[in-house]
PDB file of N, CA and C in Angstrom:
ATOM      1  N   MET A   1     -15.105  12.360  14.614  1.00  0.00           N
ATOM      2  CA  MET A   1     -13.928  13.215  14.541  1.00  0.00           C
ATOM      3  C   MET A   1     -12.819  12.473  13.775  1.00  0.00           C
ATOM      4  N   ARG A   2     -12.201  13.188  12.863  1.00  0.00           N
ATOM      5  CA  ARG A   2     -11.131  12.607  12.064  1.00  0.00           C
ATOM      6  C   ARG A   2      -9.817  12.694  12.821  1.00  0.00           C
ATOM      7  N   LEU A   3      -9.075  11.618  12.802  1.00  0.00           N
ATOM      8  CA  LEU A   3      -7.783  11.554  13.468  1.00  0.00           C
ATOM      9  C   LEU A   3      -6.738  12.349  12.691  1.00  0.00           C
ATOM     10  N   TYR A   4      -6.721  12.160  11.366  1.00  0.00           N
ATOM     11  CA  TYR A   4      -5.755  12.824  10.500  1.00  0.00           C
ATOM     12  C   TYR A   4      -6.490  13.538   9.375  1.00  0.00           C
ATOM     13  N   GLU A   5      -5.999  14.688   8.988  1.00  0.00           N
ATOM     14  CA  GLU A   5      -6.500  15.370   7.802  1.00  0.00           C
ATOM     15  C   GLU A   5      -5.481  15.147   6.700  1.00  0.00           C
ATOM     16  N   LEU A   6      -5.692  14.125   5.903  1.00  0.00           N
ATOM     17  CA  LEU A   6      -4.764  13.750   4.849  1.00  0.00           C
ATOM     18  C   LEU A   6      -5.468  13.722   3.503  1.00  0.00           C
ATOM     19  N   THR A   7      -4.714  14.027   2.485  1.00  0.00           N
ATOM     20  CA  THR A   7      -5.174  13.824   1.123  1.00  0.00           C
ATOM     21  C   THR A   7      -4.584  12.498   0.653  1.00  0.00           C
ATOM     22  N   ILE A   8      -5.445  11.592   0.245  1.00  0.00           N
ATOM     23  CA  ILE A   8      -5.005  10.295  -0.254  1.00  0.00           C
ATOM     24  C   ILE A   8      -5.064  10.347  -1.776  1.00  0.00           C
ATOM     25  N   SER A   9      -3.954  10.025  -2.430  1.00  0.00           N
ATOM     26  CA  SER A   9      -3.969   9.918  -3.887  1.00  0.00           C
ATOM     27  C   SER A   9      -3.334   8.593  -4.288  1.00  0.00           C
ATOM     28  N   ILE A  10      -3.836   8.043  -5.364  1.00  0.00           N
ATOM     29  CA  ILE A  10      -3.396   6.729  -5.823  1.00  0.00           C
ATOM     30  C   ILE A  10      -3.011   6.850  -7.295  1.00  0.00           C
ATOM     31  N   THR A  11      -1.785   6.452  -7.620  1.00  0.00           N
ATOM     32  CA  THR A  11      -1.348   6.509  -9.015  1.00  0.00           C
ATOM     33  C   THR A  11      -2.119   5.472  -9.838  1.00  0.00           C
ATOM     34  N   ASN A  12      -2.120   5.662 -11.141  1.00  0.00           N
ATOM     35  CA  ASN A  12      -2.757   4.692 -12.031  1.00  0.00           C
ATOM     36  C   ASN A  12      -2.132   3.306 -11.857  1.00  0.00           C
ATOM     37  N   HIS A  13      -0.807   3.277 -11.721  1.00  0.00           N
ATOM     38  CA  HIS A  13      -0.114   1.996 -11.540  1.00  0.00           C
ATOM     39  C   HIS A  13      -0.552   1.312 -10.243  1.00  0.00           C
ATOM     40  N   ALA A  14      -0.620   2.061  -9.147  1.00  0.00           N
ATOM     41  CA  ALA A  14      -1.031   1.480  -7.865  1.00  0.00           C
ATOM     42  C   ALA A  14      -2.461   0.954  -7.934  1.00  0.00           C
ATOM     43  N   LEU A  15      -3.336   1.701  -8.589  1.00  0.00           N
ATOM     44  CA  LEU A  15      -4.723   1.254  -8.733  1.00  0.00           C
ATOM     45  C   LEU A  15      -4.787  -0.028  -9.555  1.00  0.00           C
ATOM     46  N   GLU A  16      -4.058  -0.059 -10.645  1.00  0.00           N
ATOM     47  CA  GLU A  16      -4.032  -1.256 -11.499  1.00  0.00           C
ATOM     48  C   GLU A  16      -3.522  -2.463 -10.719  1.00  0.00           C
ATOM     49  N   GLN A  17      -2.428  -2.296  -9.982  1.00  0.00           N
ATOM     50  CA  GLN A  17      -1.871  -3.399  -9.204  1.00  0.00           C
ATOM     51  C   GLN A  17      -2.825  -3.835  -8.098  1.00  0.00           C
ATOM     52  N   TYR A  18      -3.506  -2.890  -7.453  1.00  0.00           N
ATOM     53  CA  TYR A  18      -4.489  -3.233  -6.419  1.00  0.00           C
ATOM     54  C   TYR A  18      -5.606  -4.088  -7.029  1.00  0.00           C
ATOM     55  N   CYS A  19      -6.108  -3.664  -8.174  1.00  0.00           N
ATOM     56  CA  CYS A  19      -7.200  -4.397  -8.826  1.00  0.00           C
ATOM     57  C   CYS A  19      -6.767  -5.806  -9.231  1.00  0.00           C
ATOM     58  N   ILE A  20      -5.522  -5.990  -9.612  1.00  0.00           N
ATOM     59  CA  ILE A  20      -5.010  -7.311  -9.988  1.00  0.00           C
ATOM     60  C   ILE A  20      -4.733  -8.157  -8.754  1.00  0.00           C
ATOM     61  N   ARG A  21      -4.096  -7.570  -7.756  1.00  0.00           N
ATOM     62  CA  ARG A  21      -3.591  -8.351  -6.618  1.00  0.00           C
ATOM     63  C   ARG A  21      -4.543  -8.456  -5.442  1.00  0.00           C
ATOM     64  N   VAL A  22      -5.503  -7.542  -5.354  1.00  0.00           N
ATOM     65  CA  VAL A  22      -6.410  -7.565  -4.194  1.00  0.00           C
ATOM     66  C   VAL A  22      -7.846  -7.752  -4.649  1.00  0.00           C
ATOM     67  N   GLU A  23      -8.425  -6.724  -5.272  1.00  0.00           N
ATOM     68  CA  GLU A  23      -9.798  -6.795  -5.761  1.00  0.00           C
ATOM     69  C   GLU A  23     -10.076  -5.602  -6.668  1.00  0.00           C
ATOM     70  N   GLU A  24     -11.047  -5.759  -7.527  1.00  0.00           N
ATOM     71  CA  GLU A  24     -11.464  -4.661  -8.406  1.00  0.00           C
ATOM     72  C   GLU A  24     -12.132  -3.577  -7.563  1.00  0.00           C
ATOM     73  N   MET A  25     -11.746  -2.336  -7.805  1.00  0.00           N
ATOM     74  CA  MET A  25     -12.340  -1.228  -7.080  1.00  0.00           C
ATOM     75  C   MET A  25     -12.088   0.061  -7.856  1.00  0.00           C
ATOM     76  N   GLN A  26     -13.038   0.961  -7.802  1.00  0.00           N
ATOM     77  CA  GLN A  26     -12.883   2.272  -8.419  1.00  0.00           C
ATOM     78  C   GLN A  26     -11.963   3.135  -7.560  1.00  0.00           C
ATOM     79  N   ARG A  27     -11.251   4.059  -8.191  1.00  0.00           N
ATOM     80  CA  ARG A  27     -10.283   4.910  -7.495  1.00  0.00           C
ATOM     81  C   ARG A  27     -10.905   5.647  -6.306  1.00  0.00           C
ATOM     82  N   GLU A  28     -12.037   6.288  -6.500  1.00  0.00           N
ATOM     83  CA  GLU A  28     -12.662   7.068  -5.420  1.00  0.00           C
ATOM     84  C   GLU A  28     -13.032   6.190  -4.238  1.00  0.00           C
ATOM     85  N   GLU A  29     -13.551   5.005  -4.526  1.00  0.00           N
ATOM     86  CA  GLU A  29     -13.922   4.064  -3.470  1.00  0.00           C
ATOM     87  C   GLU A  29     -12.677   3.599  -2.712  1.00  0.00           C
ATOM     88  N   LEU A  30     -11.603   3.317  -3.432  1.00  0.00           N
ATOM     89  CA  LEU A  30     -10.360   2.874  -2.798  1.00  0.00           C
ATOM     90  C   LEU A  30      -9.749   3.991  -1.961  1.00  0.00           C
ATOM     91  N   GLU A  31      -9.778   5.221  -2.454  1.00  0.00           N
ATOM     92  CA  GLU A  31      -9.264   6.351  -1.664  1.00  0.00           C
ATOM     93  C   GLU A  31     -10.033   6.497  -0.364  1.00  0.00           C
ATOM     94  N   LYS A  32     -11.360   6.332  -0.412  1.00  0.00           N
ATOM     95  CA  LYS A  32     -12.182   6.408   0.810  1.00  0.00           C
ATOM     96  C   LYS A  32     -11.856   5.257   1.762  1.00  0.00           C
ATOM     97  N   LEU A  33     -11.677   4.053   1.202  1.00  0.00           N
ATOM     98  CA  LEU A  33     -11.336   2.892   2.028  1.00  0.00           C
ATOM     99  C   LEU A  33      -9.997   3.102   2.723  1.00  0.00           C
ATOM    100  N   VAL A  34      -8.980   3.525   1.976  1.00  0.00           N
ATOM    101  CA  VAL A  34      -7.648   3.753   2.545  1.00  0.00           C
ATOM    102  C   VAL A  34      -7.714   4.839   3.615  1.00  0.00           C
ATOM    103  N   ASP A  35      -8.428   5.924   3.338  1.00  0.00           N
ATOM    104  CA  ASP A  35      -8.569   6.999   4.330  1.00  0.00           C
ATOM    105  C   ASP A  35      -9.231   6.471   5.599  1.00  0.00           C
ATOM    106  N   SER A  36     -10.275   5.674   5.450  1.00  0.00           N
ATOM    107  CA  SER A  36     -10.977   5.104   6.603  1.00  0.00           C
ATOM    108  C   SER A  36     -10.048   4.202   7.421  1.00  0.00           C
ATOM    109  N   GLN A  37      -9.247   3.382   6.737  1.00  0.00           N
ATOM    110  CA  GLN A  37      -8.331   2.492   7.448  1.00  0.00           C
ATOM    111  C   GLN A  37      -7.249   3.279   8.183  1.00  0.00           C
ATOM    112  N   ILE A  38      -6.772   4.355   7.585  1.00  0.00           N
ATOM    113  CA  ILE A  38      -5.792   5.209   8.265  1.00  0.00           C
ATOM    114  C   ILE A  38      -6.437   5.887   9.469  1.00  0.00           C
ATOM    115  N   GLN A  39      -7.657   6.376   9.310  1.00  0.00           N
ATOM    116  CA  GLN A  39      -8.359   7.022  10.425  1.00  0.00           C
ATOM    117  C   GLN A  39      -8.563   6.051  11.592  1.00  0.00           C
ATOM    118  N   GLN A  40      -8.729   4.766  11.274  1.00  0.00           N
ATOM    119  CA  GLN A  40      -8.914   3.734  12.304  1.00  0.00           C
ATOM    120  C   GLN A  40      -7.582   3.205  12.834  1.00  0.00           C
ATOM    121  N   ARG A  41      -6.489   3.817  12.376  1.00  0.00           N
ATOM    122  CA  ARG A  41      -5.123   3.426  12.762  1.00  0.00           C
ATOM    123  C   ARG A  41      -4.784   1.997  12.351  1.00  0.00           C
ATOM    124  N   ASP A  42      -5.372   1.551  11.248  1.00  0.00           N
ATOM    125  CA  ASP A  42      -5.111   0.220  10.726  1.00  0.00           C
ATOM    126  C   ASP A  42      -3.997   0.308   9.681  1.00  0.00           C
ATOM    127  N   TYR A  43      -2.836   0.782  10.128  1.00  0.00           N
ATOM    128  CA  TYR A  43      -1.703   0.923   9.214  1.00  0.00           C
ATOM    129  C   TYR A  43      -0.399   0.853   9.988  1.00  0.00           C
ATOM    130  N   ARG A  44       0.664   0.579   9.256  1.00  0.00           N
ATOM    131  CA  ARG A  44       2.024   0.591   9.806  1.00  0.00           C
ATOM    132  C   ARG A  44       2.926   1.143   8.722  1.00  0.00           C
ATOM    133  N   ARG A  45       3.721   2.112   9.065  1.00  0.00           N
ATOM    134  CA  ARG A  45       4.605   2.757   8.104  1.00  0.00           C
ATOM    135  C   ARG A  45       6.045   2.334   8.332  1.00  0.00           C
ATOM    136  N   GLU A  46       6.720   1.932   7.242  1.00  0.00           N
ATOM    137  CA  GLU A  46       8.137   1.556   7.283  1.00  0.00           C
ATOM    138  C   GLU A  46       8.839   2.220   6.119  1.00  0.00           C
ATOM    139  N   GLU A  47       9.502   3.342   6.378  1.00  0.00           N
ATOM    140  CA  GLU A  47      10.192   4.112   5.347  1.00  0.00           C
ATOM    141  C   GLU A  47       9.242   4.387   4.192  1.00  0.00           C
ATOM    142  N   GLN A  48       9.572   3.932   2.980  1.00  0.00           N
ATOM    143  CA  GLN A  48       8.700   4.225   1.842  1.00  0.00           C
ATOM    144  C   GLN A  48       7.536   3.240   1.729  1.00  0.00           C
ATOM    145  N   PHE A  49       7.486   2.244   2.586  1.00  0.00           N
ATOM    146  CA  PHE A  49       6.411   1.257   2.568  1.00  0.00           C
ATOM    147  C   PHE A  49       5.351   1.627   3.594  1.00  0.00           C
ATOM    148  N   ILE A  50       4.113   1.242   3.288  1.00  0.00           N
ATOM    149  CA  ILE A  50       3.039   1.394   4.260  1.00  0.00           C
ATOM    150  C   ILE A  50       2.107   0.193   4.123  1.00  0.00           C
ATOM    151  N   HIS A  51       1.734  -0.348   5.252  1.00  0.00           N
ATOM    152  CA  HIS A  51       0.856  -1.514   5.324  1.00  0.00           C
ATOM    153  C   HIS A  51      -0.488  -0.999   5.839  1.00  0.00           C
ATOM    154  N   ILE A  52      -1.483  -0.934   4.955  1.00  0.00           N
ATOM    155  CA  ILE A  52      -2.779  -0.359   5.293  1.00  0.00           C
ATOM    156  C   ILE A  52      -3.849  -1.429   5.125  1.00  0.00           C
ATOM    157  N   GLY A  53      -4.540  -1.736   6.214  1.00  0.00           N
ATOM    158  CA  GLY A  53      -5.626  -2.709   6.137  1.00  0.00           C
ATOM    159  C   GLY A  53      -5.211  -4.048   5.562  1.00  0.00           C
ATOM    160  N   GLY A  54      -3.981  -4.471   5.834  1.00  0.00           N
ATOM    161  CA  GLY A  54      -3.500  -5.757   5.360  1.00  0.00           C
ATOM    162  C   GLY A  54      -2.878  -5.731   3.974  1.00  0.00           C
ATOM    163  N   VAL A  55      -2.812  -4.557   3.354  1.00  0.00           N
ATOM    164  CA  VAL A  55      -2.265  -4.425   1.999  1.00  0.00           C
ATOM    165  C   VAL A  55      -0.981  -3.602   2.056  1.00  0.00           C
ATOM    166  N   TRP A  56       0.073  -4.104   1.400  1.00  0.00           N
ATOM    167  CA  TRP A  56       1.350  -3.391   1.339  1.00  0.00           C
ATOM    168  C   TRP A  56       1.384  -2.468   0.128  1.00  0.00           C
ATOM    169  N   TRP A  57       1.856  -1.231   0.350  1.00  0.00           N
ATOM    170  CA  TRP A  57       1.999  -0.221  -0.687  1.00  0.00           C
ATOM    171  C   TRP A  57       3.390   0.391  -0.597  1.00  0.00           C
ATOM    172  N   VAL A  58       3.840   0.998  -1.701  1.00  0.00           N
ATOM    173  CA  VAL A  58       4.958   1.928  -1.680  1.00  0.00           C
ATOM    174  C   VAL A  58       4.314   3.303  -1.758  1.00  0.00           C
ATOM    175  N   ALA A  59       4.770   4.222  -0.909  1.00  0.00           N
ATOM    176  CA  ALA A  59       4.120   5.524  -0.821  1.00  0.00           C
ATOM    177  C   ALA A  59       5.123   6.658  -0.749  1.00  0.00           C
ATOM    178  N   GLU A  60       4.651   7.828  -1.123  1.00  0.00           N
ATOM    179  CA  GLU A  60       5.370   9.080  -0.902  1.00  0.00           C
ATOM    180  C   GLU A  60       4.534   9.867   0.098  1.00  0.00           C
ATOM    181  N   TYR A  61       5.212  10.554   0.992  1.00  0.00           N
ATOM    182  CA  TYR A  61       4.523  11.283   2.043  1.00  0.00           C
ATOM    183  C   TYR A  61       4.813  12.773   1.941  1.00  0.00           C
ATOM    184  N   THR A  62       3.797  13.580   2.225  1.00  0.00           N
ATOM    185  CA  THR A  62       3.970  15.019   2.353  1.00  0.00           C
ATOM    186  C   THR A  62       3.386  15.419   3.702  1.00  0.00           C
ATOM    187  N   ASP A  63       3.448  16.676   4.019  1.00  0.00           N
ATOM    188  CA  ASP A  63       2.860  17.147   5.278  1.00  0.00           C
ATOM    189  C   ASP A  63       1.346  16.956   5.296  1.00  0.00           C
ATOM    190  N   THR A  64       0.726  16.947   4.124  1.00  0.00           N
ATOM    191  CA  THR A  64      -0.738  16.911   4.074  1.00  0.00           C
ATOM    192  C   THR A  64      -1.311  15.667   3.412  1.00  0.00           C
ATOM    193  N   GLY A  65      -0.453  14.752   2.962  1.00  0.00           N
ATOM    194  CA  GLY A  65      -1.036  13.626   2.266  1.00  0.00           C
ATOM    195  C   GLY A  65      -0.133  12.430   2.075  1.00  0.00           C
ATOM    196  N   VAL A  66      -0.743  11.413   1.498  1.00  0.00           N
ATOM    197  CA  VAL A  66      -0.071  10.168   1.168  1.00  0.00           C
ATOM    198  C   VAL A  66      -0.393   9.871  -0.294  1.00  0.00           C
ATOM    199  N   ARG A  67       0.650   9.606  -1.073  1.00  0.00           N
ATOM    200  CA  ARG A  67       0.475   9.225  -2.475  1.00  0.00           C
ATOM    201  C   ARG A  67       0.928   7.785  -2.609  1.00  0.00           C
ATOM    202  N   LEU A  68      -0.006   6.901  -2.945  1.00  0.00           N
ATOM    203  CA  LEU A  68       0.298   5.488  -3.094  1.00  0.00           C
ATOM    204  C   LEU A  68       0.815   5.252  -4.504  1.00  0.00           C
ATOM    205  N   ILE A  69       2.049   4.735  -4.602  1.00  0.00           N
ATOM    206  CA  ILE A  69       2.770   4.602  -5.858  1.00  0.00           C
ATOM    207  C   ILE A  69       2.550   3.239  -6.505  1.00  0.00           C
ATOM    208  N   THR A  70       2.661   2.189  -5.713  1.00  0.00           N
ATOM    209  CA  THR A  70       2.413   0.840  -6.215  1.00  0.00           C
ATOM    210  C   THR A  70       1.834  -0.008  -5.090  1.00  0.00           C
ATOM    211  N   CYS A  71       1.196  -1.076  -5.476  1.00  0.00           N
ATOM    212  CA  CYS A  71       0.558  -1.975  -4.512  1.00  0.00           C
ATOM    213  C   CYS A  71       1.189  -3.355  -4.627  1.00  0.00           C
ATOM    214  N   TYR A  72       1.703  -3.871  -3.518  1.00  0.00           N
ATOM    215  CA  TYR A  72       2.246  -5.228  -3.486  1.00  0.00           C
ATOM    216  C   TYR A  72       1.162  -6.255  -3.192  1.00  0.00           C
ATOM    217  N   GLY A  73       0.039  -5.831  -2.661  1.00  0.00           N
ATOM    218  CA  GLY A  73      -1.080  -6.732  -2.413  1.00  0.00           C
ATOM    219  C   GLY A  73      -1.245  -7.093  -0.951  1.00  0.00           C
ATOM    220  N   ARG A  74      -2.223  -7.955  -0.728  1.00  0.00           N
ATOM    221  CA  ARG A  74      -2.550  -8.407   0.625  1.00  0.00           C
ATOM    222  C   ARG A  74      -1.708  -9.641   0.924  1.00  0.00           C
ATOM    223  N   THR A  75      -0.928  -9.565   1.957  1.00  0.00           N
ATOM    224  CA  THR A  75      -0.079 -10.692   2.335  1.00  0.00           C
ATOM    225  C   THR A  75       0.198 -10.639   3.826  1.00  0.00           C
ATOM    226  N   ASN A  76       0.505 -11.794   4.401  1.00  0.00           N
ATOM    227  CA  ASN A  76       0.813 -11.840   5.827  1.00  0.00           C
ATOM    228  C   ASN A  76       2.308 -11.791   6.097  1.00  0.00           C
ATOM    229  N   PHE A  77       3.138 -11.664   5.037  1.00  0.00           N
ATOM    230  CA  PHE A  77       4.562 -11.534   5.318  1.00  0.00           C
ATOM    231  C   PHE A  77       5.005 -10.084   5.163  1.00  0.00           C
ATOM    232  N   ASP A  78       6.128  -9.784   5.729  1.00  0.00           N
ATOM    233  CA  ASP A  78       6.657  -8.427   5.797  1.00  0.00           C
ATOM    234  C   ASP A  78       7.372  -8.101   4.479  1.00  0.00           C
ATOM    235  N   ILE A  79       6.727  -7.337   3.620  1.00  0.00           N
ATOM    236  CA  ILE A  79       7.285  -7.016   2.296  1.00  0.00           C
ATOM    237  C   ILE A  79       8.646  -6.323   2.386  1.00  0.00           C
ATOM    238  N   PRO A  80       8.831  -5.290   3.225  1.00  0.00           N
ATOM    239  CA  PRO A  80      10.160  -4.664   3.272  1.00  0.00           C
ATOM    240  C   PRO A  80      11.261  -5.659   3.650  1.00  0.00           C
ATOM    241  N   ALA A  81      10.999  -6.520   4.616  1.00  0.00           N
ATOM    242  CA  ALA A  81      11.988  -7.526   5.015  1.00  0.00           C
ATOM    243  C   ALA A  81      12.226  -8.527   3.888  1.00  0.00           C
ATOM    244  N   ALA A  82      11.152  -8.942   3.215  1.00  0.00           N
ATOM    245  CA  ALA A  82      11.283  -9.895   2.121  1.00  0.00           C
ATOM    246  C   ALA A  82      12.072  -9.304   0.953  1.00  0.00           C
ATOM    247  N   LEU A  83      11.821  -8.036   0.635  1.00  0.00           N
ATOM    248  CA  LEU A  83      12.572  -7.388  -0.443  1.00  0.00           C
ATOM    249  C   LEU A  83      14.049  -7.248  -0.075  1.00  0.00           C
ATOM    250  N   GLY A  84      14.311  -6.944   1.193  1.00  0.00           N
ATOM    251  CA  GLY A  84      15.700  -6.871   1.660  1.00  0.00           C
ATOM    252  C   GLY A  84      16.403  -8.210   1.540  1.00  0.00           C
ATOM    253  N   TRP A  85      15.716  -9.278   1.952  1.00  0.00           N
ATOM    254  CA  TRP A  85      16.277 -10.627   1.839  1.00  0.00           C
ATOM    255  C   TRP A  85      16.560 -10.958   0.381  1.00  0.00           C
ATOM    256  N   ALA A  86      15.589 -10.666  -0.496  1.00  0.00           N
ATOM    257  CA  ALA A  86      15.748 -10.978  -1.917  1.00  0.00           C
ATOM    258  C   ALA A  86      16.940 -10.223  -2.513  1.00  0.00           C
ATOM    259  N   ALA A  87      17.110  -8.974  -2.139  1.00  0.00           N
ATOM    260  CA  ALA A  87      18.237  -8.186  -2.659  1.00  0.00           C
ATOM    261  C   ALA A  87      19.568  -8.759  -2.181  1.00  0.00           C
ATOM    262  N   ARG A  88      19.636  -9.139  -0.896  1.00  0.00           N
ATOM    263  CA  ARG A  88      20.876  -9.697  -0.350  1.00  0.00           C
ATOM    264  C   ARG A  88      21.244 -11.026  -0.996  1.00  0.00           C
ATOM    265  N   HIS A  89      20.243 -11.780  -1.415  1.00  0.00           N
ATOM    266  CA  HIS A  89      20.479 -13.110  -1.984  1.00  0.00           C
ATOM    267  C   HIS A  89      20.344 -13.129  -3.508  1.00  0.00           C
ATOM    268  N   LYS A  90      20.334 -11.935  -4.099  1.00  0.00           N
ATOM    269  CA  LYS A  90      20.212 -11.808  -5.561  1.00  0.00           C
ATOM    270  C   LYS A  90      19.034 -12.636  -6.084  1.00  0.00           C
ATOM    271  N   ASP A  91      17.912 -12.459  -5.402  1.00  0.00           N
ATOM    272  CA  ASP A  91      16.677 -13.163  -5.739  1.00  0.00           C
ATOM    273  C   ASP A  91      15.583 -12.123  -5.956  1.00  0.00           C
ATOM    274  N   ARG A  92      14.371 -12.557  -6.144  1.00  0.00           N
ATOM    275  CA  ARG A  92      13.266 -11.622  -6.316  1.00  0.00           C
ATOM    276  C   ARG A  92      11.996 -12.214  -5.740  1.00  0.00           C
ATOM    277  N   LEU A  93      10.996 -11.356  -5.550  1.00  0.00           N
ATOM    278  CA  LEU A  93       9.688 -11.809  -5.094  1.00  0.00           C
ATOM    279  C   LEU A  93       8.768 -11.918  -6.288  1.00  0.00           C
ATOM    280  N   VAL A  94       7.977 -12.959  -6.322  1.00  0.00           N
ATOM    281  CA  VAL A  94       6.948 -13.103  -7.342  1.00  0.00           C
ATOM    282  C   VAL A  94       5.615 -12.962  -6.636  1.00  0.00           C
ATOM    283  N   LEU A  95       4.873 -11.914  -6.971  1.00  0.00           N
ATOM    284  CA  LEU A  95       3.633 -11.613  -6.261  1.00  0.00           C
ATOM    285  C   LEU A  95       2.399 -12.036  -7.039  1.00  0.00           C
ATOM    286  N   ASP A  96       2.581 -12.445  -8.276  1.00  0.00           N
ATOM    287  CA  ASP A  96       1.430 -12.890  -9.069  1.00  0.00           C
ATOM    288  C   ASP A  96       1.044 -14.299  -8.679  1.00  0.00           C
ATOM    289  N   ASP A  97      -0.232 -14.631  -8.878  1.00  0.00           N
ATOM    290  CA  ASP A  97      -0.686 -15.995  -8.598  1.00  0.00           C
ATOM    291  C   ASP A  97      -0.009 -16.966  -9.547  1.00  0.00           C
ATOM    292  N   ALA A  98       0.399 -18.086  -9.018  1.00  0.00           N
ATOM    293  CA  ALA A  98       1.048 -19.104  -9.868  1.00  0.00           C
ATOM    294  C   ALA A  98       0.090 -20.218 -10.189  1.00  0.00           C
TER     295      ALA A  98
END
């Protein structure tokens, strides 16, 4: 039984960022993975951010779906809090590998 009936869509930018920051994956496979993680309640929503299966995204929400706009990647720190800190201190986050 499905917990939520949602349409998951991923922008080209979000898919590209996911492939760079997390792992290579086809859009359909990633949509199924994200849907499965949401069905398993492996997510946390914070305003426009959503943390799904350990990966931070920026998302738009409708009554019937979630549209993933960009992917910040897999990280153990709180992206919304980090972005807030960076804005307050006129700094920025660097998410690419150094």
